[in-house]
Amino acid sequence: MAETSRFTLHNGLRVVLAPDPTAPVVGVAVHYDVGFRSEPEGRTGFAHLFEHLMFQGSESLEKLAHFKLVQSSGGTFNGSTHPDYTDYYEVLPSAALERALFLEADRMRAPKLTKENLANQIDVVKEEIRLNVLNRPYGGFPWILLPPVLYSTFPNAHNGYGDFTDLEQASLDDCAAFFDTYYSPANAVLTVAGDVDPDRARELIEKHFGDVPHRPAPPKRSFAEPPPSGEVRGNHTDPHAPLPALAVGYRMPDPVGELDAYLANLVLAGVLTDGDGSRLQQRLVHREPLVTDIGAGAGLFGPFEARDPDTFSITAIHSPEVSAERVLTAIDEELEKLAATPPDAQELAKVTARWSASLHAEHDRLMSRTLSLGAFELLYGDPTLVSRLPDRMAAVTSEDVAAAAKALRPDSRAVLLVEPEGGAK
């Protein structure tokens, strides 16, 4: 695999090139430095709505042209909105590289923002919310429901999927302002990975993106806010949930500024709930069956999707006969044990080996690799960090995991309780 290289165009677009001739395919991704934490107050769900609009044609291509041009080349494409970035990508046969670059540059220049497209995509997003949140058991649990309990500022606490009223009030002026502010080349990273000749790729990138007009990137915002100074609680009634559930949220070390401490939290999540032998599975599912399901994770969508602040969460679904307090007490006891007695080398090795294997497997898939390289350039300013993560993870010690467990304190956390409608059933 050839060396990953980086360069910046005159208009400020950062480019990551990662050649790999092992298969005749190429991945192209554009990451914009805007996620739902950056959307304006009163416009919840706007970043995700705008992602939809980017697929509705451009000033030079009619609606559905993007879809047709990628699919007729034998490729796949998509986009997704995250807390701190939005990505768009194509994976195609390598002969179609120029087509993918043309399409991404075309919509970076000028997506088609019309009243009809906006109204139509507001309806599409509302339908998506009905499907994934409103009409589903435990919809939005915990990623929509936990942040307003743990955080108090709009960027960190609000619903990134959006409130129907906010979505319906989105205007074309809002769209134009959002595009002008966040969708400039200087606020984006282009990644090209796979079967490419670096010189030829560079030439094509200059040809298609070089004349996209420069606009200054918006100033970087800090979303920092202090952690809770006690335990804070919230309640939610779920009309579709068969059983009660709870989510516990804690603040984590800064994912960018304190990466090793952040990685220790990822390992801690594995020690707690990854596989039948993990601490919370053993205690709460097998030994004294208090829950039907338990999980822990760093980041509400997974790791490496957000800058500071980020969330460590533990979620459980339990029977109505078991009180939430009993579950919380058992979780606290296991965290205390872990803080007092670090995991042994074997327990730790099992978790870090699993992480390494999953990171390597992900890196093997061209789409995942292309997206990871772009995200790491955007968040960390270093795309090659992706390939060094397994080693960084393997360097996490038992003491690091114990320290991470000790930091998950009952006096600085959010607890969300979900009750089925009509109480226990």
Protein backbone atom coordinates (compact mmCIF):
# COMPACT_ATOMS: atom_id res chain seq x y z
CA MET A 1 0.00 0.00 0.00
CA ALA A 2 1.52 3.34 -1.04
CA GLU A 3 2.04 6.16 1.40
CA THR A 4 -0.94 8.35 2.37
CA SER A 5 -0.31 11.94 1.30
CA ARG A 6 -2.00 15.27 2.01
CA PHE A 7 -2.12 18.62 0.29
CA THR A 8 -4.33 21.72 0.24
CA LEU A 9 -5.79 23.48 -2.81
CA HIS A 10 -5.69 27.29 -3.22
CA ASN A 11 -9.33 27.52 -2.13
CA GLY A 12 -8.52 25.83 1.19
CA LEU A 13 -9.82 22.31 0.39
CA ARG A 14 -7.74 19.73 2.28
CA VAL A 15 -7.07 16.56 0.30
CA VAL A 16 -6.05 13.09 1.54
CA LEU A 17 -4.78 10.56 -1.02
CA ALA A 18 -4.46 6.92 0.05
CA PRO A 19 -3.49 4.72 -2.93
CA ASP A 20 -4.06 0.97 -2.68
CA PRO A 21 -3.89 -1.02 -5.94
CA THR A 22 -5.08 -4.35 -4.47
CA ALA A 23 -8.58 -4.07 -6.05
CA PRO A 24 -9.78 -2.02 -9.05
CA VAL A 25 -12.06 0.21 -6.98
CA VAL A 26 -11.83 3.73 -5.64
CA GLY A 27 -13.48 5.52 -2.71
CA VAL A 28 -14.19 9.26 -2.78
CA ALA A 29 -15.49 11.09 0.29
CA VAL A 30 -16.06 14.70 1.24
CA HIS A 31 -16.31 15.58 4.94
CA TYR A 32 -17.70 19.00 5.87
CA ASP A 33 -16.85 20.38 9.29
CA VAL A 34 -20.47 20.76 10.39
CA GLY A 35 -22.71 18.36 12.27
CA PHE A 36 -25.87 18.72 14.26
CA ARG A 37 -24.02 20.44 17.12
CA SER A 38 -23.46 23.41 14.80
CA GLU A 39 -27.03 23.87 13.60
CA PRO A 40 -28.74 27.14 14.55
CA GLU A 41 -30.99 27.32 17.60
CA GLY A 42 -34.63 26.91 16.59
CA ARG A 43 -33.54 24.80 13.62
CA THR A 44 -33.09 21.36 15.16
CA GLY A 45 -32.45 18.67 12.55
CA PHE A 46 -31.17 21.20 10.02
CA ALA A 47 -27.73 19.63 9.41
CA HIS A 48 -29.37 16.31 8.55
CA LEU A 49 -32.06 18.01 6.43
CA PHE A 50 -29.31 19.80 4.51
CA GLU A 51 -27.52 16.50 3.89
CA HIS A 52 -30.72 15.34 2.15
CA LEU A 53 -30.82 18.52 0.05
CA MET A 54 -27.29 17.87 -1.23
CA PHE A 55 -28.70 14.88 -3.17
CA GLN A 56 -31.42 16.90 -4.95
CA GLY A 57 -29.46 18.03 -7.98
CA SER A 58 -27.28 21.09 -8.54
CA GLU A 59 -27.19 24.19 -10.67
CA SER A 60 -25.83 22.06 -13.53
CA LEU A 61 -27.40 18.62 -12.93
CA GLU A 62 -31.07 17.75 -12.66
CA LYS A 63 -32.58 15.88 -9.71
CA LEU A 64 -31.58 12.18 -9.55
CA ALA A 65 -28.61 12.73 -11.92
CA HIS A 66 -26.16 11.97 -9.07
CA PHE A 67 -27.93 8.67 -8.37
CA LYS A 68 -28.04 7.67 -12.04
CA LEU A 69 -24.43 8.60 -12.80
CA VAL A 70 -23.03 6.66 -9.82
CA GLN A 71 -25.24 3.61 -10.26
CA SER A 72 -24.68 3.39 -14.02
CA SER A 73 -20.93 3.25 -13.25
CA GLY A 74 -21.51 0.25 -10.97
CA GLY A 75 -20.96 2.31 -7.81
CA THR A 76 -22.66 2.98 -4.49
CA PHE A 77 -23.04 6.28 -2.63
CA ASN A 78 -24.54 7.82 0.49
CA GLY A 79 -24.14 10.53 3.09
CA SER A 80 -24.56 10.78 6.87
CA THR A 81 -24.76 13.45 9.55
CA HIS A 82 -22.76 13.12 12.78
CA PRO A 83 -22.35 15.34 15.85
CA ASP A 84 -19.40 17.24 14.37
CA TYR A 85 -19.24 16.45 10.66
CA THR A 86 -21.33 15.48 7.63
CA ASP A 87 -19.92 13.08 5.06
CA TYR A 88 -20.77 12.21 1.46
CA TYR A 89 -19.14 9.33 -0.42
CA GLU A 90 -19.02 7.14 -3.51
CA VAL A 91 -17.30 3.79 -4.07
CA LEU A 92 -16.88 2.99 -7.76
CA PRO A 93 -14.74 1.02 -10.21
CA SER A 94 -11.45 2.94 -10.47
CA ALA A 95 -12.12 3.90 -14.11
CA ALA A 96 -14.99 6.08 -12.80
CA LEU A 97 -12.82 8.21 -10.46
CA GLU A 98 -13.26 11.37 -12.55
CA ARG A 99 -17.03 10.98 -12.52
CA ALA A 100 -17.10 10.85 -8.71
CA LEU A 101 -14.81 13.89 -8.41
CA PHE A 102 -16.96 15.83 -10.88
CA LEU A 103 -20.14 15.01 -8.92
CA GLU A 104 -18.72 16.02 -5.51
CA ALA A 105 -17.20 19.25 -6.88
CA ASP A 106 -20.45 20.03 -8.68
CA ARG A 107 -22.56 20.00 -5.52
CA MET A 108 -19.87 21.73 -3.48
CA ARG A 109 -20.15 24.56 -6.00
CA ALA A 110 -23.96 24.93 -5.92
CA PRO A 111 -26.63 22.45 -4.84
CA LYS A 112 -30.13 23.06 -6.20
CA LEU A 113 -31.91 24.83 -3.34
CA THR A 114 -35.55 25.22 -4.39
CA LYS A 115 -38.83 25.53 -2.49
CA GLU A 116 -40.01 22.26 -4.01
CA ASN A 117 -36.84 20.36 -3.03
CA LEU A 118 -36.97 21.78 0.49
CA ALA A 119 -40.66 20.90 1.06
CA ASN A 120 -40.15 17.46 -0.38
CA GLN A 121 -37.08 16.68 1.80
CA ILE A 122 -38.75 18.02 4.97
CA ASP A 123 -41.43 15.36 4.34
CA VAL A 124 -38.79 12.68 3.72
CA VAL A 125 -36.97 13.53 6.99
CA LYS A 126 -40.24 13.56 8.95
CA GLU A 127 -41.03 10.11 7.59
CA GLU A 128 -37.55 8.92 8.61
CA ILE A 129 -38.15 10.24 12.15
CA ARG A 130 -41.53 8.48 12.33
CA LEU A 131 -39.93 5.24 11.20
CA ASN A 132 -36.78 5.35 13.34
CA VAL A 133 -37.97 7.19 16.46
CA LEU A 134 -41.68 7.85 16.92
CA ASN A 135 -43.13 4.50 15.84
CA ARG A 136 -40.42 2.21 17.15
CA PRO A 137 -39.87 0.75 20.64
CA TYR A 138 -36.99 2.62 22.34
CA GLY A 139 -36.77 5.00 19.37
CA GLY A 140 -34.11 7.65 19.97
CA PHE A 141 -32.87 5.76 23.05
CA PRO A 142 -30.41 6.90 24.20
CA TRP A 143 -28.97 9.28 21.58
CA ILE A 144 -31.91 11.71 21.44
CA LEU A 145 -33.22 11.23 24.98
CA LEU A 146 -30.05 11.23 27.09
CA PRO A 147 -28.24 14.43 25.93
CA PRO A 148 -30.91 16.86 27.28
CA VAL A 149 -30.49 15.25 30.72
CA LEU A 150 -26.66 15.27 30.72
CA TYR A 151 -26.09 18.62 28.95
CA SER A 152 -27.59 22.06 29.32
CA THR A 153 -26.43 24.01 26.22
CA PHE A 154 -28.40 23.91 22.97
CA PRO A 155 -25.58 22.42 20.79
CA ASN A 156 -25.02 19.48 23.16
CA ALA A 157 -28.55 18.88 24.43
CA HIS A 158 -30.87 19.24 21.45
CA ASN A 159 -32.34 16.56 19.21
CA GLY A 160 -30.17 16.26 16.09
CA TYR A 161 -32.93 14.46 14.20
CA GLY A 162 -35.09 17.53 14.59
CA ASP A 163 -38.40 18.67 15.92
CA PHE A 164 -41.23 18.66 13.34
CA THR A 165 -42.10 22.33 14.00
CA ASP A 166 -38.46 23.40 13.54
CA LEU A 167 -38.14 21.34 10.36
CA GLU A 168 -41.35 22.79 8.90
CA GLN A 169 -40.14 26.35 9.54
CA ALA A 170 -36.84 25.87 7.66
CA SER A 171 -36.65 28.38 4.82
CA LEU A 172 -34.60 28.74 1.63
CA ASP A 173 -32.79 31.65 3.33
CA ASP A 174 -31.79 29.27 6.14
CA CYS A 175 -30.49 26.84 3.51
CA ALA A 176 -28.48 29.49 1.67
CA ALA A 177 -26.95 30.79 4.91
CA PHE A 178 -26.05 27.27 6.06
CA PHE A 179 -24.45 26.45 2.72
CA ASP A 180 -22.49 29.72 2.62
CA THR A 181 -21.24 29.29 6.18
CA TYR A 182 -20.33 25.60 6.31
CA TYR A 183 -20.11 24.18 2.80
CA SER A 184 -17.02 26.04 1.63
CA PRO A 185 -13.95 24.14 0.37
CA ALA A 186 -11.97 25.65 3.25
CA ASN A 187 -14.32 23.86 5.68
CA ALA A 188 -14.02 20.46 3.97
CA VAL A 189 -11.75 17.45 3.45
CA LEU A 190 -11.71 15.44 0.22
CA THR A 191 -10.43 11.86 0.53
CA VAL A 192 -9.55 9.62 -2.41
CA ALA A 193 -8.54 6.05 -1.55
CA GLY A 194 -8.03 2.83 -3.47
CA ASP A 195 -6.77 2.08 -6.94
CA VAL A 196 -5.49 5.52 -7.99
CA ASP A 197 -2.29 6.90 -9.42
CA PRO A 198 -1.46 9.81 -7.07
CA ASP A 199 -0.25 12.17 -9.83
CA ARG A 200 -3.26 11.53 -12.04
CA ALA A 201 -5.62 11.86 -9.05
CA ARG A 202 -4.03 15.17 -8.09
CA GLU A 203 -4.47 16.45 -11.65
CA LEU A 204 -8.17 15.48 -11.69
CA ILE A 205 -8.76 16.98 -8.23
CA GLU A 206 -7.23 20.30 -9.37
CA LYS A 207 -9.32 20.18 -12.54
CA HIS A 208 -12.66 19.65 -10.76
CA PHE A 209 -12.23 21.30 -7.35
CA GLY A 210 -9.59 23.95 -8.08
CA ASP A 211 -12.07 26.52 -9.33
CA VAL A 212 -14.68 26.08 -6.57
CA PRO A 213 -14.69 29.62 -5.13
CA HIS A 214 -12.91 30.13 -1.80
CA ARG A 215 -14.98 31.25 1.17
CA PRO A 216 -13.39 31.46 4.60
CA ALA A 217 -14.13 28.56 6.94
CA PRO A 218 -16.28 29.59 9.93
CA PRO A 219 -14.36 30.09 13.19
CA LYS A 220 -14.04 26.86 15.21
CA ARG A 221 -16.57 26.82 18.04
CA SER A 222 -16.03 25.28 21.42
CA PHE A 223 -18.99 23.30 22.74
CA ALA A 224 -17.44 22.97 26.20
CA GLU A 225 -19.70 23.02 29.24
CA PRO A 226 -19.03 21.83 32.79
CA PRO A 227 -20.06 18.29 33.77
CA PRO A 228 -23.07 17.98 36.09
CA SER A 229 -22.25 18.82 39.70
CA GLY A 230 -24.53 16.05 41.01
CA GLU A 231 -26.72 13.30 39.64
CA VAL A 232 -29.36 14.63 37.23
CA ARG A 233 -32.41 12.63 36.21
CA GLY A 234 -34.93 12.63 33.39
CA ASN A 235 -37.99 10.55 32.56
CA HIS A 236 -39.49 9.50 29.26
CA THR A 237 -42.68 7.57 28.53
CA ASP A 238 -42.40 5.29 25.50
CA PRO A 239 -45.73 4.24 23.92
CA HIS A 240 -44.14 1.25 22.16
CA ALA A 241 -41.65 -0.10 24.72
CA PRO A 242 -42.55 -3.51 26.17
CA LEU A 243 -40.23 -3.10 29.20
CA PRO A 244 -38.71 -0.29 31.27
CA ALA A 245 -35.20 0.86 30.33
CA LEU A 246 -32.54 3.17 31.70
CA ALA A 247 -29.53 4.98 30.32
CA VAL A 248 -26.69 6.40 32.38
CA GLY A 249 -24.57 9.13 30.79
CA TYR A 250 -21.14 10.36 31.90
CA ARG A 251 -18.74 12.88 30.45
CA MET A 252 -15.57 11.47 28.92
CA PRO A 253 -12.03 12.82 28.43
CA ASP A 254 -11.60 15.05 25.37
CA PRO A 255 -11.53 12.69 22.33
CA VAL A 256 -8.96 14.87 20.55
CA GLY A 257 -6.89 16.52 23.31
CA GLU A 258 -6.77 13.46 25.61
CA LEU A 259 -6.86 10.62 23.11
CA ASP A 260 -5.19 7.97 25.29
CA ALA A 261 -7.58 8.59 28.20
CA TYR A 262 -10.44 8.49 25.68
CA LEU A 263 -9.19 5.14 24.33
CA ALA A 264 -9.12 3.80 27.90
CA ASN A 265 -12.88 4.52 27.99
CA LEU A 266 -13.36 2.46 24.82
CA VAL A 267 -11.52 -0.43 26.44
CA LEU A 268 -13.56 0.06 29.63
CA ALA A 269 -16.80 -0.24 27.59
CA GLY A 270 -15.51 -3.59 26.28
CA VAL A 271 -14.54 -4.83 29.76
CA LEU A 272 -18.02 -3.91 31.01
CA THR A 273 -20.33 -5.28 28.32
CA ASP A 274 -18.51 -6.87 25.39
CA GLY A 275 -19.35 -10.58 25.23
CA ASP A 276 -20.69 -13.06 27.79
CA GLY A 277 -17.55 -12.92 29.92
CA SER A 278 -17.75 -9.13 30.45
CA ARG A 279 -18.36 -7.70 33.94
CA LEU A 280 -21.89 -6.33 33.55
CA GLN A 281 -23.09 -9.23 31.34
CA GLN A 282 -21.84 -11.71 33.97
CA ARG A 283 -23.40 -9.89 36.91
CA LEU A 284 -26.65 -8.47 35.51
CA VAL A 285 -27.59 -11.00 32.83
CA HIS A 286 -26.17 -14.31 34.12
CA ARG A 287 -25.54 -14.28 37.90
CA GLU A 288 -28.52 -12.32 39.18
CA PRO A 289 -30.66 -11.75 36.10
CA LEU A 290 -31.70 -8.11 36.58
CA VAL A 291 -31.72 -7.04 32.93
CA THR A 292 -32.63 -8.52 29.55
CA ASP A 293 -30.09 -6.37 27.76
CA ILE A 294 -27.06 -4.28 28.78
CA GLY A 295 -24.61 -2.25 26.72
CA ALA A 296 -21.89 0.36 27.20
CA GLY A 297 -20.25 2.62 24.69
CA ALA A 298 -18.01 5.61 24.14
CA GLY A 299 -19.84 8.17 22.01
CA LEU A 300 -23.60 8.04 21.51
CA PHE A 301 -23.07 6.94 17.88
CA GLY A 302 -19.76 5.21 18.45
CA PRO A 303 -16.26 6.62 18.93
CA PHE A 304 -14.41 9.23 16.84
CA GLU A 305 -17.50 11.12 15.70
CA ALA A 306 -17.30 14.12 17.98
CA ARG A 307 -14.92 16.57 19.55
CA ASP A 308 -15.25 17.50 23.23
CA PRO A 309 -17.63 16.99 25.03
CA ASP A 310 -18.41 13.35 24.35
CA THR A 311 -20.55 10.88 26.25
CA PHE A 312 -19.93 7.49 27.86
CA SER A 313 -23.24 5.65 28.21
CA ILE A 314 -24.51 2.48 29.84
CA THR A 315 -27.96 1.31 28.76
CA ALA A 316 -30.14 -1.45 30.17
CA ILE A 317 -33.59 -2.89 29.54
CA HIS A 318 -35.07 -4.57 32.60
CA SER A 319 -38.24 -6.26 33.80
CA PRO A 320 -40.89 -4.18 35.63
CA GLU A 321 -40.29 -6.38 38.72
CA VAL A 322 -36.73 -5.06 38.97
CA SER A 323 -36.38 -1.46 40.09
CA ALA A 324 -34.13 0.98 38.23
CA GLU A 325 -32.36 1.58 41.58
CA ARG A 326 -31.35 -2.08 41.80
CA VAL A 327 -29.84 -1.96 38.34
CA LEU A 328 -28.02 1.32 39.08
CA THR A 329 -26.64 -0.05 42.36
CA ALA A 330 -25.27 -3.14 40.59
CA ILE A 331 -23.64 -0.95 37.89
CA ASP A 332 -22.06 1.28 40.54
CA GLU A 333 -20.75 -1.73 42.47
CA GLU A 334 -19.13 -3.19 39.36
CA LEU A 335 -17.52 0.16 38.50
CA GLU A 336 -16.20 0.46 42.07
CA LYS A 337 -14.75 -3.07 41.92
CA LEU A 338 -13.07 -2.26 38.63
CA ALA A 339 -11.66 1.00 39.98
CA ALA A 340 -10.27 -0.81 43.04
CA THR A 341 -9.04 -3.95 41.25
CA PRO A 342 -7.83 -3.31 37.69
CA PRO A 343 -8.62 -6.01 35.11
CA ASP A 344 -5.95 -8.68 34.76
CA ALA A 345 -3.76 -8.96 31.67
CA GLN A 346 -5.91 -11.69 30.11
CA GLU A 347 -9.20 -9.79 30.49
CA LEU A 348 -7.57 -6.68 29.05
CA ALA A 349 -5.91 -8.53 26.16
CA LYS A 350 -9.23 -10.10 25.16
CA VAL A 351 -10.87 -6.67 24.83
CA THR A 352 -7.96 -4.91 23.08
CA ALA A 353 -7.57 -7.86 20.66
CA ARG A 354 -11.27 -7.57 19.79
CA TRP A 355 -10.92 -3.84 19.20
CA SER A 356 -7.82 -4.33 17.06
CA ALA A 357 -9.54 -7.01 14.99
CA SER A 358 -12.60 -4.82 14.40
CA LEU A 359 -10.44 -1.79 13.49
CA HIS A 360 -8.42 -3.88 11.03
CA ALA A 361 -11.58 -5.41 9.55
CA GLU A 362 -13.05 -1.93 9.10
CA HIS A 363 -9.84 -0.68 7.52
CA ASP A 364 -10.02 -3.55 5.03
CA ARG A 365 -13.31 -2.26 3.63
CA LEU A 366 -12.58 0.55 1.20
CA MET A 367 -15.69 2.54 2.09
CA SER A 368 -14.93 2.47 5.84
CA ARG A 369 -11.27 3.31 5.24
CA THR A 370 -12.10 6.27 2.99
CA LEU A 371 -14.56 7.64 5.55
CA SER A 372 -12.19 7.09 8.49
CA LEU A 373 -9.27 8.83 6.76
CA GLY A 374 -11.44 11.88 6.06
CA ALA A 375 -12.90 12.00 9.56
CA PHE A 376 -9.47 11.71 11.19
CA GLU A 377 -8.05 14.47 8.98
CA LEU A 378 -11.01 16.65 9.96
CA LEU A 379 -11.04 15.95 13.71
CA TYR A 380 -7.37 15.19 14.40
CA GLY A 381 -5.51 16.77 11.47
CA ASP A 382 -3.90 13.35 10.95
CA PRO A 383 -5.47 10.71 8.66
CA THR A 384 -2.67 8.18 9.36
CA LEU A 385 -3.77 8.00 13.00
CA VAL A 386 -6.42 5.53 11.77
CA SER A 387 -3.79 2.87 11.10
CA ARG A 388 -2.01 3.52 14.41
CA LEU A 389 -5.15 3.15 16.54
CA PRO A 390 -4.81 -0.62 17.14
CA ASP A 391 -1.32 -0.06 18.65
CA ARG A 392 -2.55 2.89 20.71
CA MET A 393 -5.41 0.71 21.93
CA ALA A 394 -3.06 -2.18 22.77
CA ALA A 395 -0.99 0.24 24.88
CA VAL A 396 -3.93 0.95 27.23
CA THR A 397 -3.00 -0.50 30.65
CA SER A 398 -5.11 -2.11 33.38
CA GLU A 399 -4.44 0.98 35.51
CA ASP A 400 -5.77 3.22 32.71
CA VAL A 401 -9.01 1.20 32.62
CA ALA A 402 -9.34 1.34 36.43
CA ALA A 403 -8.85 5.12 36.32
CA ALA A 404 -11.52 5.42 33.61
CA ALA A 405 -13.94 3.37 35.77
CA LYS A 406 -13.16 5.53 38.80
CA ALA A 407 -14.08 8.68 36.82
CA LEU A 408 -17.62 7.38 36.12
CA ARG A 409 -19.00 8.76 39.36
CA PRO A 410 -22.60 8.63 40.60
CA ASP A 411 -22.31 12.28 41.74
CA SER A 412 -21.62 13.56 38.21
CA ARG A 413 -23.89 11.72 35.83
CA ALA A 414 -27.25 11.74 34.07
CA VAL A 415 -29.82 8.99 34.54
CA LEU A 416 -32.65 8.65 32.04
CA LEU A 417 -35.55 6.38 32.99
CA VAL A 418 -37.82 5.06 30.23
CA GLU A 419 -41.24 3.77 31.24
CA PRO A 420 -43.65 1.91 28.94
CA GLU A 421 -46.90 3.87 28.48
CA GLY A 422 -49.42 2.86 31.09
CA GLY A 423 -46.63 1.86 33.51
CA ALA A 424 -45.38 -1.69 33.94
CA LYS A 425 -47.02 -4.21 31.64
